[in-house]
Amino acid sequence: GWFRQAPGKEREFVARIRWSGGSTYYADSVKGRF
C-alpha cells in the first residue's frame, strides 16, 4: 500500500494492491486521479 503524512496530520491510507491478482482499493480523496 501507499500511505501519506502531511505536516501536523496523521498518516493516512492512499491506496493498496494485492500482490497476487492485483486487485486495488483507493481512498476517496485520490480515486480517479491516482
PDB file of all heavy atoms in Angstrom:
ATOM      1  N   GLY A   1       0.808  -1.208   0.000  1.00  0.00           N
ATOM      2  CA  GLY A   1       0.000   0.000   0.000  1.00  0.00           C
ATOM      3  C   GLY A   1       0.838   1.253   0.000  1.00  0.00           C
ATOM      4  O   GLY A   1       2.059   1.201   0.223  1.00  0.00           O
ATOM      5  N   TRP A   2       0.178   2.350  -0.272  1.00  0.00           N
ATOM      6  CA  TRP A   2       0.770   3.678  -0.148  1.00  0.00           C
ATOM      7  C   TRP A   2       0.004   4.445   0.924  1.00  0.00           C
ATOM      8  O   TRP A   2      -1.242   4.425   0.943  1.00  0.00           O
ATOM      9  CB  TRP A   2       0.703   4.442  -1.472  1.00  0.00           C
ATOM     10  CG  TRP A   2       1.640   3.956  -2.525  1.00  0.00           C
ATOM     11  CD1 TRP A   2       1.343   3.110  -3.560  1.00  0.00           C
ATOM     12  CD2 TRP A   2       3.029   4.276  -2.655  1.00  0.00           C
ATOM     13  NE1 TRP A   2       2.462   2.891  -4.315  1.00  0.00           N
ATOM     14  CE2 TRP A   2       3.507   3.592  -3.790  1.00  0.00           C
ATOM     15  CE3 TRP A   2       3.906   5.081  -1.935  1.00  0.00           C
ATOM     16  CZ2 TRP A   2       4.839   3.685  -4.220  1.00  0.00           C
ATOM     17  CZ3 TRP A   2       5.229   5.170  -2.356  1.00  0.00           C
ATOM     18  CH2 TRP A   2       5.679   4.483  -3.481  1.00  0.00           C
ATOM     19  N   PHE A   3       0.756   5.104   1.780  1.00  0.00           N
ATOM     20  CA  PHE A   3       0.199   5.986   2.787  1.00  0.00           C
ATOM     21  C   PHE A   3       0.880   7.336   2.618  1.00  0.00           C
ATOM     22  O   PHE A   3       1.923   7.446   1.969  1.00  0.00           O
ATOM     23  CB  PHE A   3       0.469   5.452   4.202  1.00  0.00           C
ATOM     24  CG  PHE A   3      -0.371   4.262   4.569  1.00  0.00           C
ATOM     25  CD1 PHE A   3      -0.129   3.014   4.019  1.00  0.00           C
ATOM     26  CD2 PHE A   3      -1.410   4.381   5.483  1.00  0.00           C
ATOM     27  CE1 PHE A   3      -0.896   1.917   4.358  1.00  0.00           C
ATOM     28  CE2 PHE A   3      -2.187   3.288   5.833  1.00  0.00           C
ATOM     29  CZ  PHE A   3      -1.932   2.059   5.270  1.00  0.00           C
ATOM     30  N   ARG A   4       0.312   8.368   3.230  1.00  0.00           N
ATOM     31  CA  ARG A   4       0.958   9.679   3.199  1.00  0.00           C
ATOM     32  C   ARG A   4       0.729  10.400   4.513  1.00  0.00           C
ATOM     33  O   ARG A   4      -0.250  10.145   5.217  1.00  0.00           O
ATOM     34  CB  ARG A   4       0.429  10.512   2.028  1.00  0.00           C
ATOM     35  CG  ARG A   4      -1.039  10.913   2.124  1.00  0.00           C
ATOM     36  CD  ARG A   4      -1.481  11.597   0.838  1.00  0.00           C
ATOM     37  NE  ARG A   4      -2.870  12.030   0.912  1.00  0.00           N
ATOM     38  CZ  ARG A   4      -3.537  12.566  -0.105  1.00  0.00           C
ATOM     39  NH1 ARG A   4      -2.926  12.734  -1.283  1.00  0.00           N
ATOM     40  NH2 ARG A   4      -4.795  12.931   0.038  1.00  0.00           N
ATOM     41  N   GLN A   5       1.661  11.296   4.803  1.00  0.00           N
ATOM     42  CA  GLN A   5       1.564  12.061   6.037  1.00  0.00           C
ATOM     43  C   GLN A   5       1.950  13.509   5.769  1.00  0.00           C
ATOM     44  O   GLN A   5       3.087  13.790   5.391  1.00  0.00           O
ATOM     45  CB  GLN A   5       2.465  11.462   7.116  1.00  0.00           C
ATOM     46  CG  GLN A   5       2.277  12.094   8.470  1.00  0.00           C
ATOM     47  CD  GLN A   5       2.911  11.284   9.586  1.00  0.00           C
ATOM     48  OE1 GLN A   5       3.755  10.405   9.355  1.00  0.00           O
ATOM     49  NE2 GLN A   5       2.498  11.530  10.805  1.00  0.00           N
ATOM     50  N   ALA A   6       0.980  14.384   5.954  1.00  0.00           N
ATOM     51  CA  ALA A   6       1.214  15.816   5.816  1.00  0.00           C
ATOM     52  C   ALA A   6       1.649  16.376   7.170  1.00  0.00           C
ATOM     53  O   ALA A   6       1.354  15.785   8.211  1.00  0.00           O
ATOM     54  CB  ALA A   6      -0.057  16.503   5.336  1.00  0.00           C
ATOM     55  N   PRO A   7       2.325  17.519   7.179  1.00  0.00           N
ATOM     56  CA  PRO A   7       2.780  18.100   8.445  1.00  0.00           C
ATOM     57  C   PRO A   7       1.627  18.306   9.420  1.00  0.00           C
ATOM     58  O   PRO A   7       0.585  18.862   9.050  1.00  0.00           O
ATOM     59  CB  PRO A   7       3.391  19.432   8.012  1.00  0.00           C
ATOM     60  CG  PRO A   7       3.806  19.212   6.605  1.00  0.00           C
ATOM     61  CD  PRO A   7       2.776  18.290   6.022  1.00  0.00           C
ATOM     62  N   GLY A   8       1.815  17.835  10.636  1.00  0.00           N
ATOM     63  CA  GLY A   8       0.804  18.014  11.673  1.00  0.00           C
ATOM     64  C   GLY A   8      -0.404  17.112  11.562  1.00  0.00           C
ATOM     65  O   GLY A   8      -1.366  17.274  12.315  1.00  0.00           O
ATOM     66  N   LYS A   9      -0.355  16.171  10.629  1.00  0.00           N
ATOM     67  CA  LYS A   9      -1.502  15.269  10.450  1.00  0.00           C
ATOM     68  C   LYS A   9      -1.095  13.822  10.645  1.00  0.00           C
ATOM     69  O   LYS A   9       0.087  13.476  10.599  1.00  0.00           O
ATOM     70  CB  LYS A   9      -2.110  15.463   9.053  1.00  0.00           C
ATOM     71  CG  LYS A   9      -2.731  16.837   8.839  1.00  0.00           C
ATOM     72  CD  LYS A   9      -3.512  16.879   7.543  1.00  0.00           C
ATOM     73  CE  LYS A   9      -4.220  18.200   7.374  1.00  0.00           C
ATOM     74  NZ  LYS A   9      -5.016  18.244   6.115  1.00  0.00           N
ATOM     75  N   GLU A  10      -2.120  12.982  10.835  1.00  0.00           N
ATOM     76  CA  GLU A  10      -1.882  11.558  10.957  1.00  0.00           C
ATOM     77  C   GLU A  10      -1.524  10.961   9.590  1.00  0.00           C
ATOM     78  O   GLU A  10      -1.921  11.483   8.549  1.00  0.00           O
ATOM     79  CB  GLU A  10      -3.154  10.873  11.471  1.00  0.00           C
ATOM     80  CG  GLU A  10      -3.571  11.269  12.873  1.00  0.00           C
ATOM     81  CD  GLU A  10      -2.725  10.573  13.923  1.00  0.00           C
ATOM     82  OE1 GLU A  10      -2.388   9.393  13.719  1.00  0.00           O
ATOM     83  OE2 GLU A  10      -2.407  11.219  14.937  1.00  0.00           O
ATOM     84  N   ARG A  11      -0.794   9.858   9.634  1.00  0.00           N
ATOM     85  CA  ARG A  11      -0.506   9.127   8.398  1.00  0.00           C
ATOM     86  C   ARG A  11      -1.812   8.512   7.908  1.00  0.00           C
ATOM     87  O   ARG A  11      -2.513   7.827   8.667  1.00  0.00           O
ATOM     88  CB  ARG A  11       0.550   8.056   8.650  1.00  0.00           C
ATOM     89  CG  ARG A  11       1.103   7.439   7.388  1.00  0.00           C
ATOM     90  CD  ARG A  11       2.285   6.531   7.687  1.00  0.00           C
ATOM     91  NE  ARG A  11       3.387   7.254   8.320  1.00  0.00           N
ATOM     92  CZ  ARG A  11       4.583   6.716   8.542  1.00  0.00           C
ATOM     93  NH1 ARG A  11       4.831   5.471   8.152  1.00  0.00           N
ATOM     94  NH2 ARG A  11       5.524   7.416   9.134  1.00  0.00           N
ATOM     95  N   GLU A  12      -2.112   8.730   6.630  1.00  0.00           N
ATOM     96  CA  GLU A  12      -3.393   8.254   6.096  1.00  0.00           C
ATOM     97  C   GLU A  12      -3.200   7.332   4.902  1.00  0.00           C
ATOM     98  O   GLU A  12      -2.231   7.443   4.148  1.00  0.00           O
ATOM     99  CB  GLU A  12      -4.281   9.437   5.682  1.00  0.00           C
ATOM    100  CG  GLU A  12      -3.743  10.259   4.533  1.00  0.00           C
ATOM    101  CD  GLU A  12      -4.722  11.339   4.078  1.00  0.00           C
ATOM    102  OE1 GLU A  12      -5.776  11.509   4.696  1.00  0.00           O
ATOM    103  OE2 GLU A  12      -4.414  12.009   3.070  1.00  0.00           O
ATOM    104  N   PHE A  13      -4.159   6.462   4.756  1.00  0.00           N
ATOM    105  CA  PHE A  13      -4.160   5.498   3.660  1.00  0.00           C
ATOM    106  C   PHE A  13      -4.418   6.196   2.331  1.00  0.00           C
ATOM    107  O   PHE A  13      -5.253   7.109   2.246  1.00  0.00           O
ATOM    108  CB  PHE A  13      -5.254   4.459   3.922  1.00  0.00           C
ATOM    109  CG  PHE A  13      -5.555   3.565   2.759  1.00  0.00           C
ATOM    110  CD1 PHE A  13      -4.721   2.499   2.458  1.00  0.00           C
ATOM    111  CD2 PHE A  13      -6.665   3.792   1.969  1.00  0.00           C
ATOM    112  CE1 PHE A  13      -4.993   1.668   1.389  1.00  0.00           C
ATOM    113  CE2 PHE A  13      -6.956   2.960   0.896  1.00  0.00           C
ATOM    114  CZ  PHE A  13      -6.119   1.906   0.611  1.00  0.00           C
ATOM    115  N   VAL A  14      -3.728   5.746   1.295  1.00  0.00           N
ATOM    116  CA  VAL A  14      -3.914   6.278  -0.049  1.00  0.00           C
ATOM    117  C   VAL A  14      -4.455   5.195  -0.986  1.00  0.00           C
ATOM    118  O   VAL A  14      -5.480   5.383  -1.632  1.00  0.00           O
ATOM    119  CB  VAL A  14      -2.598   6.845  -0.618  1.00  0.00           C
ATOM    120  CG1 VAL A  14      -2.773   7.268  -2.076  1.00  0.00           C
ATOM    121  CG2 VAL A  14      -2.095   8.001   0.227  1.00  0.00           C
ATOM    122  N   ALA A  15      -3.758   4.061  -1.063  1.00  0.00           N
ATOM    123  CA  ALA A  15      -4.163   3.001  -1.988  1.00  0.00           C
ATOM    124  C   ALA A  15      -3.470   1.707  -1.597  1.00  0.00           C
ATOM    125  O   ALA A  15      -2.436   1.726  -0.924  1.00  0.00           O
ATOM    126  CB  ALA A  15      -3.795   3.355  -3.428  1.00  0.00           C
ATOM    127  N   ARG A  16      -4.046   0.570  -2.026  1.00  0.00           N
ATOM    128  CA  ARG A  16      -3.403  -0.715  -1.783  1.00  0.00           C
ATOM    129  C   ARG A  16      -3.655  -1.624  -2.971  1.00  0.00           C
ATOM    130  O   ARG A  16      -4.610  -1.463  -3.727  1.00  0.00           O
ATOM    131  CB  ARG A  16      -3.895  -1.357  -0.485  1.00  0.00           C
ATOM    132  CG  ARG A  16      -5.306  -1.897  -0.551  1.00  0.00           C
ATOM    133  CD  ARG A  16      -5.321  -3.422  -0.793  1.00  0.00           C
ATOM    134  NE  ARG A  16      -6.702  -3.924  -0.762  1.00  0.00           N
ATOM    135  CZ  ARG A  16      -7.337  -4.414  -1.803  1.00  0.00           C
ATOM    136  NH1 ARG A  16      -6.746  -4.509  -2.978  1.00  0.00           N
ATOM    137  NH2 ARG A  16      -8.582  -4.836  -1.683  1.00  0.00           N
ATOM    138  N   ILE A  17      -2.778  -2.613  -3.098  1.00  0.00           N
ATOM    139  CA  ILE A  17      -2.896  -3.588  -4.177  1.00  0.00           C
ATOM    140  C   ILE A  17      -2.526  -4.960  -3.647  1.00  0.00           C
ATOM    141  O   ILE A  17      -1.588  -5.110  -2.853  1.00  0.00           O
ATOM    142  CB  ILE A  17      -1.999  -3.190  -5.376  1.00  0.00           C
ATOM    143  CG1 ILE A  17      -2.265  -4.082  -6.581  1.00  0.00           C
ATOM    144  CG2 ILE A  17      -0.518  -3.202  -4.998  1.00  0.00           C
ATOM    145  CD1 ILE A  17      -1.654  -3.555  -7.871  1.00  0.00           C
ATOM    146  N   ARG A  18      -3.264  -5.943  -4.020  1.00  0.00           N
ATOM    147  CA  ARG A  18      -2.920  -7.329  -3.704  1.00  0.00           C
ATOM    148  C   ARG A  18      -1.744  -7.739  -4.590  1.00  0.00           C
ATOM    149  O   ARG A  18      -1.757  -7.480  -5.786  1.00  0.00           O
ATOM    150  CB  ARG A  18      -4.096  -8.242  -3.988  1.00  0.00           C
ATOM    151  CG  ARG A  18      -5.306  -7.948  -3.137  1.00  0.00           C
ATOM    152  CD  ARG A  18      -5.347  -8.839  -1.946  1.00  0.00           C
ATOM    153  NE  ARG A  18      -6.651  -8.781  -1.290  1.00  0.00           N
ATOM    154  CZ  ARG A  18      -7.006  -9.577  -0.309  1.00  0.00           C
ATOM    155  NH1 ARG A  18      -6.165 -10.493   0.146  1.00  0.00           N
ATOM    156  NH2 ARG A  18      -8.187  -9.463   0.235  1.00  0.00           N
ATOM    157  N   TRP A  19      -0.740  -8.362  -3.995  1.00  0.00           N
ATOM    158  CA  TRP A  19       0.442  -8.713  -4.762  1.00  0.00           C
ATOM    159  C   TRP A  19       0.124  -9.788  -5.809  1.00  0.00           C
ATOM    160  O   TRP A  19       0.666  -9.779  -6.897  1.00  0.00           O
ATOM    161  CB  TRP A  19       1.550  -9.184  -3.825  1.00  0.00           C
ATOM    162  CG  TRP A  19       2.925  -8.968  -4.364  1.00  0.00           C
ATOM    163  CD1 TRP A  19       3.854  -9.915  -4.617  1.00  0.00           C
ATOM    164  CD2 TRP A  19       3.509  -7.714  -4.735  1.00  0.00           C
ATOM    165  NE1 TRP A  19       4.989  -9.328  -5.125  1.00  0.00           N
ATOM    166  CE2 TRP A  19       4.806  -7.994  -5.209  1.00  0.00           C
ATOM    167  CE3 TRP A  19       3.052  -6.397  -4.722  1.00  0.00           C
ATOM    168  CZ2 TRP A  19       5.666  -6.996  -5.649  1.00  0.00           C
ATOM    169  CZ3 TRP A  19       3.913  -5.396  -5.171  1.00  0.00           C
ATOM    170  CH2 TRP A  19       5.198  -5.700  -5.626  1.00  0.00           C
ATOM    171  N   SER A  20      -0.748 -10.713  -5.445  1.00  0.00           N
ATOM    172  CA  SER A  20      -1.199 -11.734  -6.391  1.00  0.00           C
ATOM    173  C   SER A  20      -2.621 -11.405  -6.793  1.00  0.00           C
ATOM    174  O   SER A  20      -3.472 -11.218  -5.942  1.00  0.00           O
ATOM    175  CB  SER A  20      -1.153 -13.117  -5.734  1.00  0.00           C
ATOM    176  OG  SER A  20      -1.697 -14.093  -6.595  1.00  0.00           O
ATOM    177  N   GLY A  21      -2.867 -11.267  -8.069  1.00  0.00           N
ATOM    178  CA  GLY A  21      -4.200 -10.916  -8.528  1.00  0.00           C
ATOM    179  C   GLY A  21      -4.335  -9.463  -8.894  1.00  0.00           C
ATOM    180  O   GLY A  21      -4.999  -9.118  -9.874  1.00  0.00           O
ATOM    181  N   GLY A  22      -3.710  -8.587  -8.107  1.00  0.00           N
ATOM    182  CA  GLY A  22      -3.650  -7.179  -8.475  1.00  0.00           C
ATOM    183  C   GLY A  22      -4.877  -6.344  -8.180  1.00  0.00           C
ATOM    184  O   GLY A  22      -5.009  -5.228  -8.704  1.00  0.00           O
ATOM    185  N   SER A  23      -5.787  -6.853  -7.346  1.00  0.00           N
ATOM    186  CA  SER A  23      -6.956  -6.021  -7.049  1.00  0.00           C
ATOM    187  C   SER A  23      -6.528  -4.778  -6.281  1.00  0.00           C
ATOM    188  O   SER A  23      -5.584  -4.811  -5.493  1.00  0.00           O
ATOM    189  CB  SER A  23      -7.985  -6.815  -6.255  1.00  0.00           C
ATOM    190  OG  SER A  23      -7.508  -7.119  -4.975  1.00  0.00           O
ATOM    191  N   THR A  24      -7.221  -3.675  -6.526  1.00  0.00           N
ATOM    192  CA  THR A  24      -6.827  -2.387  -5.957  1.00  0.00           C
ATOM    193  C   THR A  24      -7.965  -1.764  -5.152  1.00  0.00           C
ATOM    194  O   THR A  24      -9.140  -2.123  -5.300  1.00  0.00           O
ATOM    195  CB  THR A  24      -6.417  -1.416  -7.071  1.00  0.00           C
ATOM    196  OG1 THR A  24      -7.516  -1.262  -7.984  1.00  0.00           O
ATOM    197  CG2 THR A  24      -5.201  -1.934  -7.826  1.00  0.00           C
ATOM    198  N   TYR A  25      -7.570  -0.820  -4.306  1.00  0.00           N
ATOM    199  CA  TYR A  25      -8.539  -0.090  -3.493  1.00  0.00           C
ATOM    200  C   TYR A  25      -7.935   1.275  -3.199  1.00  0.00           C
ATOM    201  O   TYR A  25      -6.741   1.369  -2.929  1.00  0.00           O
ATOM    202  CB  TYR A  25      -8.815  -0.849  -2.204  1.00  0.00           C
ATOM    203  CG  TYR A  25      -9.882  -0.214  -1.342  1.00  0.00           C
ATOM    204  CD1 TYR A  25     -11.224  -0.338  -1.672  1.00  0.00           C
ATOM    205  CD2 TYR A  25      -9.543   0.495  -0.199  1.00  0.00           C
ATOM    206  CE1 TYR A  25     -12.203   0.234  -0.887  1.00  0.00           C
ATOM    207  CE2 TYR A  25     -10.510   1.067   0.594  1.00  0.00           C
ATOM    208  CZ  TYR A  25     -11.842   0.940   0.251  1.00  0.00           C
ATOM    209  OH  TYR A  25     -12.820   1.504   1.019  1.00  0.00           O
ATOM    210  N   TYR A  26      -8.774   2.327  -3.255  1.00  0.00           N
ATOM    211  CA  TYR A  26      -8.280   3.690  -3.108  1.00  0.00           C
ATOM    212  C   TYR A  26      -9.055   4.475  -2.051  1.00  0.00           C
ATOM    213  O   TYR A  26     -10.251   4.244  -1.830  1.00  0.00           O
ATOM    214  CB  TYR A  26      -8.420   4.442  -4.437  1.00  0.00           C
ATOM    215  CG  TYR A  26      -7.597   3.866  -5.560  1.00  0.00           C
ATOM    216  CD1 TYR A  26      -8.122   2.895  -6.401  1.00  0.00           C
ATOM    217  CD2 TYR A  26      -6.292   4.291  -5.774  1.00  0.00           C
ATOM    218  CE1 TYR A  26      -7.365   2.362  -7.434  1.00  0.00           C
ATOM    219  CE2 TYR A  26      -5.523   3.765  -6.808  1.00  0.00           C
ATOM    220  CZ  TYR A  26      -6.067   2.809  -7.628  1.00  0.00           C
ATOM    221  OH  TYR A  26      -5.318   2.277  -8.653  1.00  0.00           O
ATOM    222  N   ALA A  27      -8.371   5.420  -1.474  1.00  0.00           N
ATOM    223  CA  ALA A  27      -9.055   6.401  -0.643  1.00  0.00           C
ATOM    224  C   ALA A  27      -9.905   7.285  -1.549  1.00  0.00           C
ATOM    225  O   ALA A  27      -9.528   7.561  -2.697  1.00  0.00           O
ATOM    226  CB  ALA A  27      -8.036   7.239   0.125  1.00  0.00           C
ATOM    227  N   ASP A  28     -11.008   7.751  -1.032  1.00  0.00           N
ATOM    228  CA  ASP A  28     -11.910   8.589  -1.846  1.00  0.00           C
ATOM    229  C   ASP A  28     -11.206   9.840  -2.345  1.00  0.00           C
ATOM    230  O   ASP A  28     -11.493  10.323  -3.444  1.00  0.00           O
ATOM    231  CB  ASP A  28     -13.134   8.983  -1.019  1.00  0.00           C
ATOM    232  CG  ASP A  28     -14.090   7.819  -0.813  1.00  0.00           C
ATOM    233  OD1 ASP A  28     -13.990   6.812  -1.546  1.00  0.00           O
ATOM    234  OD2 ASP A  28     -14.940   7.916   0.093  1.00  0.00           O
ATOM    235  N   SER A  29     -10.275  10.345  -1.557  1.00  0.00           N
ATOM    236  CA  SER A  29      -9.616  11.606  -1.894  1.00  0.00           C
ATOM    237  C   SER A  29      -8.718  11.504  -3.127  1.00  0.00           C
ATOM    238  O   SER A  29      -8.385  12.527  -3.728  1.00  0.00           O
ATOM    239  CB  SER A  29      -8.781  12.091  -0.706  1.00  0.00           C
ATOM    240  OG  SER A  29      -7.822  11.130  -0.344  1.00  0.00           O
ATOM    241  N   VAL A  30      -8.337  10.298  -3.516  1.00  0.00           N
ATOM    242  CA  VAL A  30      -7.432  10.137  -4.662  1.00  0.00           C
ATOM    243  C   VAL A  30      -8.060   9.329  -5.799  1.00  0.00           C
ATOM    244  O   VAL A  30      -7.460   9.212  -6.875  1.00  0.00           O
ATOM    245  CB  VAL A  30      -6.102   9.486  -4.247  1.00  0.00           C
ATOM    246  CG1 VAL A  30      -5.458  10.256  -3.096  1.00  0.00           C
ATOM    247  CG2 VAL A  30      -6.273   8.018  -3.880  1.00  0.00           C
ATOM    248  N   LYS A  31      -9.230   8.794  -5.562  1.00  0.00           N
ATOM    249  CA  LYS A  31      -9.880   7.952  -6.573  1.00  0.00           C
ATOM    250  C   LYS A  31     -10.073   8.721  -7.864  1.00  0.00           C
ATOM    251  O   LYS A  31     -10.546   9.866  -7.857  1.00  0.00           O
ATOM    252  CB  LYS A  31     -11.220   7.463  -6.009  1.00  0.00           C
ATOM    253  CG  LYS A  31     -11.763   6.212  -6.653  1.00  0.00           C
ATOM    254  CD  LYS A  31     -13.015   5.737  -5.921  1.00  0.00           C
ATOM    255  CE  LYS A  31     -12.695   5.294  -4.508  1.00  0.00           C
ATOM    256  NZ  LYS A  31     -13.900   4.771  -3.814  1.00  0.00           N
ATOM    257  N   GLY A  32      -9.707   8.085  -8.975  1.00  0.00           N
ATOM    258  CA  GLY A  32      -9.840   8.730 -10.270  1.00  0.00           C
ATOM    259  C   GLY A  32      -8.635   9.572 -10.665  1.00  0.00           C
ATOM    260  O   GLY A  32      -8.506   9.965 -11.827  1.00  0.00           O
ATOM    261  N   ARG A  33      -7.738   9.857  -9.718  1.00  0.00           N
ATOM    262  CA  ARG A  33      -6.534  10.644 -10.007  1.00  0.00           C
ATOM    263  C   ARG A  33      -5.255   9.824  -9.850  1.00  0.00           C
ATOM    264  O   ARG A  33      -4.288  10.041 -10.582  1.00  0.00           O
ATOM    265  CB  ARG A  33      -6.460  11.857  -9.079  1.00  0.00           C
ATOM    266  CG  ARG A  33      -7.626  12.802  -9.182  1.00  0.00           C
ATOM    267  CD  ARG A  33      -7.387  14.078  -8.389  1.00  0.00           C
ATOM    268  NE  ARG A  33      -7.248  13.819  -6.948  1.00  0.00           N
ATOM    269  CZ  ARG A  33      -6.171  14.156  -6.232  1.00  0.00           C
ATOM    270  NH1 ARG A  33      -5.143  14.766  -6.803  1.00  0.00           N
ATOM    271  NH2 ARG A  33      -6.130  13.889  -4.929  1.00  0.00           N
ATOM    272  N   PHE A  34      -5.235   8.915  -8.896  1.00  0.00           N
ATOM    273  CA  PHE A  34      -4.052   8.094  -8.611  1.00  0.00           C
ATOM    274  C   PHE A  34      -4.300   6.665  -9.073  1.00  0.00           C
ATOM    275  O   PHE A  34      -5.429   6.166  -9.021  1.00  0.00           O
ATOM    276  CB  PHE A  34      -3.754   8.070  -7.116  1.00  0.00           C
ATOM    277  CG  PHE A  34      -3.257   9.370  -6.527  1.00  0.00           C
ATOM    278  CD1 PHE A  34      -3.291  10.557  -7.239  1.00  0.00           C
ATOM    279  CD2 PHE A  34      -2.758   9.394  -5.235  1.00  0.00           C
ATOM    280  CE1 PHE A  34      -2.844  11.739  -6.697  1.00  0.00           C
ATOM    281  CE2 PHE A  34      -2.298  10.569  -4.671  1.00  0.00           C
ATOM    282  CZ  PHE A  34      -2.346  11.743  -5.403  1.00  0.00           C
TER     283      PHE A  34
END
